[in-house]
Amino acid sequence: YTEEETKAMAAEIEVTDGPNDEGEMFTRPGKLSDRFPQPYANE
């Protein structure tokens, strides 16, 4: 893919990130540096 196509593809997922300034986790759109999403939380 091109860089623009890959950025649009990554932005379709929601990634849990943080903590923020208040110490809480938050969700954000995906970025190029993010890994492919996991289908399950754990084994």
ModelCIF file with pLDDT and N, C-alpha, C, O atoms, coordinates in Angstrom:
data_MODEL
#
_entry.id   MODEL 
#
_entity.id                         1 
_entity.type                       polymer 
_entity.pdbx_number_of_molecules   1 
#
_entity_poly.entity_id                      1 
_entity_poly.type                           'polypeptide(L)' 
_entity_poly.nstd_linkage                   no 
_entity_poly.nstd_monomer                   no 
_entity_poly.pdbx_seq_one_letter_code       YTEEETKAMAAEIEVTDGPNDEGEMFTRPGKLSDRFPQPYANE 
_entity_poly.pdbx_seq_one_letter_code_can   YTEEETKAMAAEIEVTDGPNDEGEMFTRPGKLSDRFPQPYANE 
_entity_poly.pdbx_strand_id                 A 
#
loop_
_entity_poly_seq.entity_id 
_entity_poly_seq.num 
_entity_poly_seq.mon_id 
_entity_poly_seq.hetero 
1 1  TYR n 
1 2  THR n 
1 3  GLU n 
1 4  GLU n 
1 5  GLU n 
1 6  THR n 
1 7  LYS n 
1 8  ALA n 
1 9  MET n 
1 10 ALA n 
1 11 ALA n 
1 12 GLU n 
1 13 ILE n 
1 14 GLU n 
1 15 VAL n 
1 16 THR n 
1 17 ASP n 
1 18 GLY n 
1 19 PRO n 
1 20 ASN n 
1 21 ASP n 
1 22 GLU n 
1 23 GLY n 
1 24 GLU n 
1 25 MET n 
1 26 PHE n 
1 27 THR n 
1 28 ARG n 
1 29 PRO n 
1 30 GLY n 
1 31 LYS n 
1 32 LEU n 
1 33 SER n 
1 34 ASP n 
1 35 ARG n 
1 36 PHE n 
1 37 PRO n 
1 38 GLN n 
1 39 PRO n 
1 40 TYR n 
1 41 ALA n 
1 42 ASN n 
1 43 GLU n 
#
_struct_asym.id          A 
_struct_asym.entity_id   1 
#
loop_
_ma_qa_metric.id 
_ma_qa_metric.mode 
_ma_qa_metric.name 
_ma_qa_metric.software_group_id 
_ma_qa_metric.type 
1 global pLDDT . pLDDT 
2 local  pLDDT . pLDDT 
#
_ma_qa_metric_global.metric_id      1 
_ma_qa_metric_global.metric_value   93.72 
_ma_qa_metric_global.model_id       1 
_ma_qa_metric_global.ordinal_id     1 
#
loop_
_ma_qa_metric_local.label_asym_id 
_ma_qa_metric_local.label_comp_id 
_ma_qa_metric_local.label_seq_id 
_ma_qa_metric_local.metric_id 
_ma_qa_metric_local.metric_value 
_ma_qa_metric_local.model_id 
_ma_qa_metric_local.ordinal_id 
A TYR 1  2 97.00 1 1  
A THR 2  2 96.00 1 2  
A GLU 3  2 96.00 1 3  
A GLU 4  2 96.00 1 4  
A GLU 5  2 97.00 1 5  
A THR 6  2 97.00 1 6  
A LYS 7  2 96.00 1 7  
A ALA 8  2 96.00 1 8  
A MET 9  2 96.00 1 9  
A ALA 10 2 96.00 1 10 
A ALA 11 2 96.00 1 11 
A GLU 12 2 95.00 1 12 
A ILE 13 2 94.00 1 13 
A GLU 14 2 93.00 1 14 
A VAL 15 2 93.00 1 15 
A THR 16 2 90.00 1 16 
A ASP 17 2 91.00 1 17 
A GLY 18 2 88.00 1 18 
A PRO 19 2 89.00 1 19 
A ASN 20 2 88.00 1 20 
A ASP 21 2 87.00 1 21 
A GLU 22 2 87.00 1 22 
A GLY 23 2 89.00 1 23 
A GLU 24 2 90.00 1 24 
A MET 25 2 91.00 1 25 
A PHE 26 2 92.00 1 26 
A THR 27 2 92.00 1 27 
A ARG 28 2 93.00 1 28 
A PRO 29 2 95.00 1 29 
A GLY 30 2 96.00 1 30 
A LYS 31 2 96.00 1 31 
A LEU 32 2 96.00 1 32 
A SER 33 2 95.00 1 33 
A ASP 34 2 96.00 1 34 
A ARG 35 2 96.00 1 35 
A PHE 36 2 97.00 1 36 
A PRO 37 2 95.00 1 37 
A GLN 38 2 95.00 1 38 
A PRO 39 2 95.00 1 39 
A TYR 40 2 96.00 1 40 
A ALA 41 2 92.00 1 41 
A ASN 42 2 94.00 1 42 
A GLU 43 2 95.00 1 43 
#
loop_
_atom_site.group_PDB 
_atom_site.id 
_atom_site.type_symbol 
_atom_site.label_atom_id 
_atom_site.label_alt_id 
_atom_site.label_comp_id 
_atom_site.label_asym_id 
_atom_site.label_entity_id 
_atom_site.label_seq_id 
_atom_site.pdbx_PDB_ins_code 
_atom_site.Cartn_x 
_atom_site.Cartn_y 
_atom_site.Cartn_z 
_atom_site.occupancy 
_atom_site.B_iso_or_equiv 
_atom_site.pdbx_formal_charge 
_atom_site.auth_seq_id 
_atom_site.auth_comp_id 
_atom_site.auth_asym_id 
_atom_site.auth_atom_id 
_atom_site.pdbx_PDB_model_num 
ATOM 1   N N  . TYR A 1 1  ? 0.846   -1.197  0.000  1.00 97.00 ? 1  TYR A N  1 
ATOM 2   C CA . TYR A 1 1  ? 0.000   0.000   0.000  1.00 97.00 ? 1  TYR A CA 1 
ATOM 3   C C  . TYR A 1 1  ? 0.876   1.240   0.000  1.00 97.00 ? 1  TYR A C  1 
ATOM 4   O O  . TYR A 1 1  ? 2.061   1.186   0.327  1.00 97.00 ? 1  TYR A O  1 
ATOM 5   N N  . THR A 1 2  ? 0.272   2.349   -0.370 1.00 96.00 ? 2  THR A N  1 
ATOM 6   C CA . THR A 1 2  ? 0.941   3.638   -0.234 1.00 96.00 ? 2  THR A CA 1 
ATOM 7   C C  . THR A 1 2  ? 0.821   4.110   1.222  1.00 96.00 ? 2  THR A C  1 
ATOM 8   O O  . THR A 1 2  ? 0.085   3.528   2.018  1.00 96.00 ? 2  THR A O  1 
ATOM 9   N N  . GLU A 1 3  ? 1.548   5.158   1.544  1.00 96.00 ? 3  GLU A N  1 
ATOM 10  C CA . GLU A 1 3  ? 1.502   5.666   2.916  1.00 96.00 ? 3  GLU A CA 1 
ATOM 11  C C  . GLU A 1 3  ? 0.114   6.191   3.258  1.00 96.00 ? 3  GLU A C  1 
ATOM 12  O O  . GLU A 1 3  ? -0.372  5.975   4.368  1.00 96.00 ? 3  GLU A O  1 
ATOM 13  N N  . GLU A 1 4  ? -0.532  6.879   2.314  1.00 96.00 ? 4  GLU A N  1 
ATOM 14  C CA . GLU A 1 4  ? -1.873  7.406   2.583  1.00 96.00 ? 4  GLU A CA 1 
ATOM 15  C C  . GLU A 1 4  ? -2.877  6.275   2.792  1.00 96.00 ? 4  GLU A C  1 
ATOM 16  O O  . GLU A 1 4  ? -3.723  6.352   3.683  1.00 96.00 ? 4  GLU A O  1 
ATOM 17  N N  . GLU A 1 5  ? -2.790  5.238   1.984  1.00 97.00 ? 5  GLU A N  1 
ATOM 18  C CA . GLU A 1 5  ? -3.700  4.099   2.145  1.00 97.00 ? 5  GLU A CA 1 
ATOM 19  C C  . GLU A 1 5  ? -3.482  3.418   3.492  1.00 97.00 ? 5  GLU A C  1 
ATOM 20  O O  . GLU A 1 5  ? -4.438  3.020   4.158  1.00 97.00 ? 5  GLU A O  1 
ATOM 21  N N  . THR A 1 6  ? -2.231  3.288   3.884  1.00 97.00 ? 6  THR A N  1 
ATOM 22  C CA . THR A 1 6  ? -1.945  2.617   5.154  1.00 97.00 ? 6  THR A CA 1 
ATOM 23  C C  . THR A 1 6  ? -2.406  3.459   6.337  1.00 97.00 ? 6  THR A C  1 
ATOM 24  O O  . THR A 1 6  ? -2.917  2.914   7.316  1.00 97.00 ? 6  THR A O  1 
ATOM 25  N N  . LYS A 1 7  ? -2.237  4.774   6.267  1.00 96.00 ? 7  LYS A N  1 
ATOM 26  C CA . LYS A 1 7  ? -2.714  5.640   7.350  1.00 96.00 ? 7  LYS A CA 1 
ATOM 27  C C  . LYS A 1 7  ? -4.227  5.550   7.491  1.00 96.00 ? 7  LYS A C  1 
ATOM 28  O O  . LYS A 1 7  ? -4.747  5.479   8.604  1.00 96.00 ? 7  LYS A O  1 
ATOM 29  N N  . ALA A 1 8  ? -4.927  5.553   6.373  1.00 96.00 ? 8  ALA A N  1 
ATOM 30  C CA . ALA A 1 8  ? -6.392  5.439   6.426  1.00 96.00 ? 8  ALA A CA 1 
ATOM 31  C C  . ALA A 1 8  ? -6.806  4.085   6.988  1.00 96.00 ? 8  ALA A C  1 
ATOM 32  O O  . ALA A 1 8  ? -7.785  3.987   7.728  1.00 96.00 ? 8  ALA A O  1 
ATOM 33  N N  . MET A 1 9  ? -6.066  3.055   6.640  1.00 96.00 ? 9  MET A N  1 
ATOM 34  C CA . MET A 1 9  ? -6.376  1.723   7.162  1.00 96.00 ? 9  MET A CA 1 
ATOM 35  C C  . MET A 1 9  ? -6.147  1.647   8.670  1.00 96.00 ? 9  MET A C  1 
ATOM 36  O O  . MET A 1 9  ? -6.958  1.076   9.398  1.00 96.00 ? 9  MET A O  1 
ATOM 37  N N  . ALA A 1 10 ? -5.040  2.225   9.133  1.00 96.00 ? 10 ALA A N  1 
ATOM 38  C CA . ALA A 1 10 ? -4.739  2.201   10.566 1.00 96.00 ? 10 ALA A CA 1 
ATOM 39  C C  . ALA A 1 10 ? -5.736  3.037   11.359 1.00 96.00 ? 10 ALA A C  1 
ATOM 40  O O  . ALA A 1 10 ? -6.038  2.705   12.506 1.00 96.00 ? 10 ALA A O  1 
ATOM 41  N N  . ALA A 1 11 ? -6.251  4.113   10.774 1.00 96.00 ? 11 ALA A N  1 
ATOM 42  C CA . ALA A 1 11 ? -7.184  4.985   11.488 1.00 96.00 ? 11 ALA A CA 1 
ATOM 43  C C  . ALA A 1 11 ? -8.533  4.327   11.711 1.00 96.00 ? 11 ALA A C  1 
ATOM 44  O O  . ALA A 1 11 ? -9.338  4.829   12.495 1.00 96.00 ? 11 ALA A O  1 
ATOM 45  N N  . GLU A 1 12 ? -8.794  3.225   11.045 1.00 95.00 ? 12 GLU A N  1 
ATOM 46  C CA . GLU A 1 12 ? -10.078 2.545   11.214 1.00 95.00 ? 12 GLU A CA 1 
ATOM 47  C C  . GLU A 1 12 ? -10.162 1.764   12.523 1.00 95.00 ? 12 GLU A C  1 
ATOM 48  O O  . GLU A 1 12 ? -11.260 1.391   12.936 1.00 95.00 ? 12 GLU A O  1 
ATOM 49  N N  . ILE A 1 13 ? -9.041  1.509   13.183 1.00 94.00 ? 13 ILE A N  1 
ATOM 50  C CA . ILE A 1 13 ? -9.065  0.743   14.422 1.00 94.00 ? 13 ILE A CA 1 
ATOM 51  C C  . ILE A 1 13 ? -8.967  1.687   15.617 1.00 94.00 ? 13 ILE A C  1 
ATOM 52  O O  . ILE A 1 13 ? -8.497  2.817   15.488 1.00 94.00 ? 13 ILE A O  1 
ATOM 53  N N  . GLU A 1 14 ? -9.411  1.219   16.767 1.00 93.00 ? 14 GLU A N  1 
ATOM 54  C CA . GLU A 1 14 ? -9.321  1.961   18.016 1.00 93.00 ? 14 GLU A CA 1 
ATOM 55  C C  . GLU A 1 14 ? -8.260  1.303   18.885 1.00 93.00 ? 14 GLU A C  1 
ATOM 56  O O  . GLU A 1 14 ? -8.288  0.092   19.107 1.00 93.00 ? 14 GLU A O  1 
ATOM 57  N N  . VAL A 1 15 ? -7.325  2.110   19.375 1.00 93.00 ? 15 VAL A N  1 
ATOM 58  C CA . VAL A 1 15 ? -6.200  1.618   20.167 1.00 93.00 ? 15 VAL A CA 1 
ATOM 59  C C  . VAL A 1 15 ? -6.292  2.198   21.568 1.00 93.00 ? 15 VAL A C  1 
ATOM 60  O O  . VAL A 1 15 ? -6.498  3.399   21.742 1.00 93.00 ? 15 VAL A O  1 
ATOM 61  N N  . THR A 1 16 ? -6.138  1.338   22.562 1.00 90.00 ? 16 THR A N  1 
ATOM 62  C CA . THR A 1 16 ? -6.115  1.804   23.948 1.00 90.00 ? 16 THR A CA 1 
ATOM 63  C C  . THR A 1 16 ? -4.729  2.333   24.262 1.00 90.00 ? 16 THR A C  1 
ATOM 64  O O  . THR A 1 16 ? -3.734  1.627   24.098 1.00 90.00 ? 16 THR A O  1 
ATOM 65  N N  . ASP A 1 17 ? -4.665  3.586   24.715 1.00 91.00 ? 17 ASP A N  1 
ATOM 66  C CA . ASP A 1 17 ? -3.384  4.245   24.986 1.00 91.00 ? 17 ASP A CA 1 
ATOM 67  C C  . ASP A 1 17 ? -3.469  4.941   26.334 1.00 91.00 ? 17 ASP A C  1 
ATOM 68  O O  . ASP A 1 17 ? -4.517  4.983   26.978 1.00 91.00 ? 17 ASP A O  1 
ATOM 69  N N  . GLY A 1 18 ? -2.335  5.480   26.735 1.00 88.00 ? 18 GLY A N  1 
ATOM 70  C CA . GLY A 1 18 ? -2.327  6.210   27.991 1.00 88.00 ? 18 GLY A CA 1 
ATOM 71  C C  . GLY A 1 18 ? -1.232  5.746   28.923 1.00 88.00 ? 18 GLY A C  1 
ATOM 72  O O  . GLY A 1 18 ? -0.364  4.964   28.537 1.00 88.00 ? 18 GLY A O  1 
ATOM 73  N N  . PRO A 1 19 ? -1.275  6.230   30.151 1.00 89.00 ? 19 PRO A N  1 
ATOM 74  C CA . PRO A 1 19 ? -2.322  7.101   30.727 1.00 89.00 ? 19 PRO A CA 1 
ATOM 75  C C  . PRO A 1 19 ? -2.161  8.561   30.291 1.00 89.00 ? 19 PRO A C  1 
ATOM 76  O O  . PRO A 1 19 ? -1.093  8.982   29.846 1.00 89.00 ? 19 PRO A O  1 
ATOM 77  N N  . ASN A 1 20 ? -3.260  9.322   30.431 1.00 88.00 ? 20 ASN A N  1 
ATOM 78  C CA . ASN A 1 20 ? -3.227  10.744  30.114 1.00 88.00 ? 20 ASN A CA 1 
ATOM 79  C C  . ASN A 1 20 ? -2.785  11.536  31.338 1.00 88.00 ? 20 ASN A C  1 
ATOM 80  O O  . ASN A 1 20 ? -2.295  10.966  32.312 1.00 88.00 ? 20 ASN A O  1 
ATOM 81  N N  . ASP A 1 21 ? -2.959  12.848  31.281 1.00 87.00 ? 21 ASP A N  1 
ATOM 82  C CA . ASP A 1 21 ? -2.516  13.691  32.392 1.00 87.00 ? 21 ASP A CA 1 
ATOM 83  C C  . ASP A 1 21 ? -3.274  13.390  33.668 1.00 87.00 ? 21 ASP A C  1 
ATOM 84  O O  . ASP A 1 21 ? -2.788  13.671  34.764 1.00 87.00 ? 21 ASP A O  1 
ATOM 85  N N  . GLU A 1 22 ? -4.465  12.819  33.534 1.00 87.00 ? 22 GLU A N  1 
ATOM 86  C CA . GLU A 1 22 ? -5.260  12.490  34.719 1.00 87.00 ? 22 GLU A CA 1 
ATOM 87  C C  . GLU A 1 22 ? -5.028  11.059  35.182 1.00 87.00 ? 22 GLU A C  1 
ATOM 88  O O  . GLU A 1 22 ? -5.667  10.598  36.128 1.00 87.00 ? 22 GLU A O  1 
ATOM 89  N N  . GLY A 1 23 ? -4.113  10.354  34.517 1.00 89.00 ? 23 GLY A N  1 
ATOM 90  C CA . GLY A 1 23 ? -3.804  8.991   34.927 1.00 89.00 ? 23 GLY A CA 1 
ATOM 91  C C  . GLY A 1 23 ? -4.764  7.944   34.418 1.00 89.00 ? 23 GLY A C  1 
ATOM 92  O O  . GLY A 1 23 ? -4.769  6.820   34.921 1.00 89.00 ? 23 GLY A O  1 
ATOM 93  N N  . GLU A 1 24 ? -5.577  8.279   33.435 1.00 90.00 ? 24 GLU A N  1 
ATOM 94  C CA . GLU A 1 24 ? -6.558  7.345   32.918 1.00 90.00 ? 24 GLU A CA 1 
ATOM 95  C C  . GLU A 1 24 ? -6.193  6.929   31.493 1.00 90.00 ? 24 GLU A C  1 
ATOM 96  O O  . GLU A 1 24 ? -5.591  7.686   30.732 1.00 90.00 ? 24 GLU A O  1 
ATOM 97  N N  . MET A 1 25 ? -6.583  5.691   31.162 1.00 91.00 ? 25 MET A N  1 
ATOM 98  C CA . MET A 1 25 ? -6.367  5.184   29.813 1.00 91.00 ? 25 MET A CA 1 
ATOM 99  C C  . MET A 1 25 ? -7.437  5.747   28.883 1.00 91.00 ? 25 MET A C  1 
ATOM 100 O O  . MET A 1 25 ? -8.538  6.087   29.315 1.00 91.00 ? 25 MET A O  1 
ATOM 101 N N  . PHE A 1 26 ? -7.100  5.838   27.628 1.00 92.00 ? 26 PHE A N  1 
ATOM 102 C CA . PHE A 1 26 ? -8.037  6.396   26.656 1.00 92.00 ? 26 PHE A CA 1 
ATOM 103 C C  . PHE A 1 26 ? -7.849  5.660   25.330 1.00 92.00 ? 26 PHE A C  1 
ATOM 104 O O  . PHE A 1 26 ? -6.859  4.956   25.129 1.00 92.00 ? 26 PHE A O  1 
ATOM 105 N N  . THR A 1 27 ? -8.791  5.833   24.456 1.00 92.00 ? 27 THR A N  1 
ATOM 106 C CA . THR A 1 27 ? -8.724  5.225   23.125 1.00 92.00 ? 27 THR A CA 1 
ATOM 107 C C  . THR A 1 27 ? -8.471  6.308   22.088 1.00 92.00 ? 27 THR A C  1 
ATOM 108 O O  . THR A 1 27 ? -8.893  7.454   22.240 1.00 92.00 ? 27 THR A O  1 
ATOM 109 N N  . ARG A 1 28 ? -7.785  5.922   21.050 1.00 93.00 ? 28 ARG A N  1 
ATOM 110 C CA . ARG A 1 28 ? -7.442  6.848   19.971 1.00 93.00 ? 28 ARG A CA 1 
ATOM 111 C C  . ARG A 1 28 ? -7.449  6.082   18.651 1.00 93.00 ? 28 ARG A C  1 
ATOM 112 O O  . ARG A 1 28 ? -7.389  4.852   18.652 1.00 93.00 ? 28 ARG A O  1 
ATOM 113 N N  . PRO A 1 29 ? -7.521  6.790   17.531 1.00 95.00 ? 29 PRO A N  1 
ATOM 114 C CA . PRO A 1 29 ? -7.397  6.100   16.234 1.00 95.00 ? 29 PRO A CA 1 
ATOM 115 C C  . PRO A 1 29 ? -5.992  5.531   16.051 1.00 95.00 ? 29 PRO A C  1 
ATOM 116 O O  . PRO A 1 29 ? -5.018  6.053   16.594 1.00 95.00 ? 29 PRO A O  1 
ATOM 117 N N  . GLY A 1 30 ? -5.912  4.482   15.297 1.00 96.00 ? 30 GLY A N  1 
ATOM 118 C CA . GLY A 1 30 ? -4.628  3.841   15.088 1.00 96.00 ? 30 GLY A CA 1 
ATOM 119 C C  . GLY A 1 30 ? -3.668  4.687   14.261 1.00 96.00 ? 30 GLY A C  1 
ATOM 120 O O  . GLY A 1 30 ? -4.084  5.548   13.486 1.00 96.00 ? 30 GLY A O  1 
ATOM 121 N N  . LYS A 1 31 ? -2.369  4.422   14.442 1.00 96.00 ? 31 LYS A N  1 
ATOM 122 C CA . LYS A 1 31 ? -1.305  5.114   13.704 1.00 96.00 ? 31 LYS A CA 1 
ATOM 123 C C  . LYS A 1 31 ? -0.449  4.081   12.982 1.00 96.00 ? 31 LYS A C  1 
ATOM 124 O O  . LYS A 1 31 ? -0.615  2.876   13.173 1.00 96.00 ? 31 LYS A O  1 
ATOM 125 N N  . LEU A 1 32 ? 0.459   4.562   12.160 1.00 96.00 ? 32 LEU A N  1 
ATOM 126 C CA . LEU A 1 32 ? 1.317   3.659   11.408 1.00 96.00 ? 32 LEU A CA 1 
ATOM 127 C C  . LEU A 1 32 ? 2.189   2.802   12.319 1.00 96.00 ? 32 LEU A C  1 
ATOM 128 O O  . LEU A 1 32 ? 2.542   1.680   11.955 1.00 96.00 ? 32 LEU A O  1 
ATOM 129 N N  . SER A 1 33 ? 2.531   3.300   13.467 1.00 95.00 ? 33 SER A N  1 
ATOM 130 C CA . SER A 1 33 ? 3.414   2.565   14.374 1.00 95.00 ? 33 SER A CA 1 
ATOM 131 C C  . SER A 1 33 ? 2.693   1.481   15.165 1.00 95.00 ? 33 SER A C  1 
ATOM 132 O O  . SER A 1 33 ? 3.342   0.688   15.848 1.00 95.00 ? 33 SER A O  1 
ATOM 133 N N  . ASP A 1 34 ? 1.381   1.429   15.089 1.00 96.00 ? 34 ASP A N  1 
ATOM 134 C CA . ASP A 1 34 ? 0.631   0.435   15.853 1.00 96.00 ? 34 ASP A CA 1 
ATOM 135 C C  . ASP A 1 34 ? 0.708   -0.936  15.183 1.00 96.00 ? 34 ASP A C  1 
ATOM 136 O O  . ASP A 1 34 ? 0.802   -1.047  13.961 1.00 96.00 ? 34 ASP A O  1 
ATOM 137 N N  . ARG A 1 35 ? 0.666   -1.970  16.015 1.00 96.00 ? 35 ARG A N  1 
ATOM 138 C CA . ARG A 1 35 ? 0.633   -3.338  15.504 1.00 96.00 ? 35 ARG A CA 1 
ATOM 139 C C  . ARG A 1 35 ? -0.787  -3.702  15.070 1.00 96.00 ? 35 ARG A C  1 
ATOM 140 O O  . ARG A 1 35 ? -1.753  -3.013  15.395 1.00 96.00 ? 35 ARG A O  1 
ATOM 141 N N  . PHE A 1 36 ? -0.882  -4.790  14.336 1.00 97.00 ? 36 PHE A N  1 
ATOM 142 C CA . PHE A 1 36 ? -2.208  -5.282  13.948 1.00 97.00 ? 36 PHE A CA 1 
ATOM 143 C C  . PHE A 1 36 ? -3.011  -5.601  15.213 1.00 97.00 ? 36 PHE A C  1 
ATOM 144 O O  . PHE A 1 36 ? -2.443  -6.096  16.187 1.00 97.00 ? 36 PHE A O  1 
ATOM 145 N N  . PRO A 1 37 ? -4.318  -5.328  15.217 1.00 95.00 ? 37 PRO A N  1 
ATOM 146 C CA . PRO A 1 37 ? -5.116  -5.560  16.433 1.00 95.00 ? 37 PRO A CA 1 
ATOM 147 C C  . PRO A 1 37 ? -5.228  -7.042  16.781 1.00 95.00 ? 37 PRO A C  1 
ATOM 148 O O  . PRO A 1 37 ? -5.196  -7.912  15.911 1.00 95.00 ? 37 PRO A O  1 
ATOM 149 N N  . GLN A 1 38 ? -5.360  -7.296  18.068 1.00 95.00 ? 38 GLN A N  1 
ATOM 150 C CA . GLN A 1 38 ? -5.514  -8.661  18.570 1.00 95.00 ? 38 GLN A CA 1 
ATOM 151 C C  . GLN A 1 38 ? -6.991  -9.051  18.560 1.00 95.00 ? 38 GLN A C  1 
ATOM 152 O O  . GLN A 1 38 ? -7.828  -8.258  18.992 1.00 95.00 ? 38 GLN A O  1 
ATOM 153 N N  . PRO A 1 39 ? -7.337  -10.251 18.078 1.00 95.00 ? 39 PRO A N  1 
ATOM 154 C CA . PRO A 1 39 ? -8.761  -10.638 18.066 1.00 95.00 ? 39 PRO A CA 1 
ATOM 155 C C  . PRO A 1 39 ? -9.308  -10.962 19.453 1.00 95.00 ? 39 PRO A C  1 
ATOM 156 O O  . PRO A 1 39 ? -10.516 -10.877 19.678 1.00 95.00 ? 39 PRO A O  1 
ATOM 157 N N  . TYR A 1 40 ? -8.425  -11.334 20.387 1.00 96.00 ? 40 TYR A N  1 
ATOM 158 C CA . TYR A 1 40 ? -8.866  -11.697 21.746 1.00 96.00 ? 40 TYR A CA 1 
ATOM 159 C C  . TYR A 1 40 ? -7.991  -10.985 22.760 1.00 96.00 ? 40 TYR A C  1 
ATOM 160 O O  . TYR A 1 40 ? -6.844  -10.634 22.487 1.00 96.00 ? 40 TYR A O  1 
ATOM 161 N N  . ALA A 1 41 ? -8.562  -10.783 23.932 1.00 92.00 ? 41 ALA A N  1 
ATOM 162 C CA . ALA A 1 41 ? -7.832  -10.064 24.980 1.00 92.00 ? 41 ALA A CA 1 
ATOM 163 C C  . ALA A 1 41 ? -6.698  -10.900 25.545 1.00 92.00 ? 41 ALA A C  1 
ATOM 164 O O  . ALA A 1 41 ? -5.656  -10.350 25.902 1.00 92.00 ? 41 ALA A O  1 
ATOM 165 N N  . ASN A 1 42 ? -6.872  -12.222 25.636 1.00 94.00 ? 42 ASN A N  1 
ATOM 166 C CA . ASN A 1 42 ? -5.845  -13.098 26.190 1.00 94.00 ? 42 ASN A CA 1 
ATOM 167 C C  . ASN A 1 42 ? -6.076  -14.513 25.658 1.00 94.00 ? 42 ASN A C  1 
ATOM 168 O O  . ASN A 1 42 ? -7.023  -14.769 24.914 1.00 94.00 ? 42 ASN A O  1 
ATOM 169 N N  . GLU A 1 43 ? -5.189  -15.419 26.058 1.00 95.00 ? 43 GLU A N  1 
ATOM 170 C CA . GLU A 1 43 ? -5.274  -16.799 25.569 1.00 95.00 ? 43 GLU A CA 1 
ATOM 171 C C  . GLU A 1 43 ? -6.521  -17.505 26.080 1.00 95.00 ? 43 GLU A C  1 
ATOM 172 O O  . GLU A 1 43 ? -6.744  -18.673 25.761 1.00 95.00 ? 43 GLU A O  1 
#
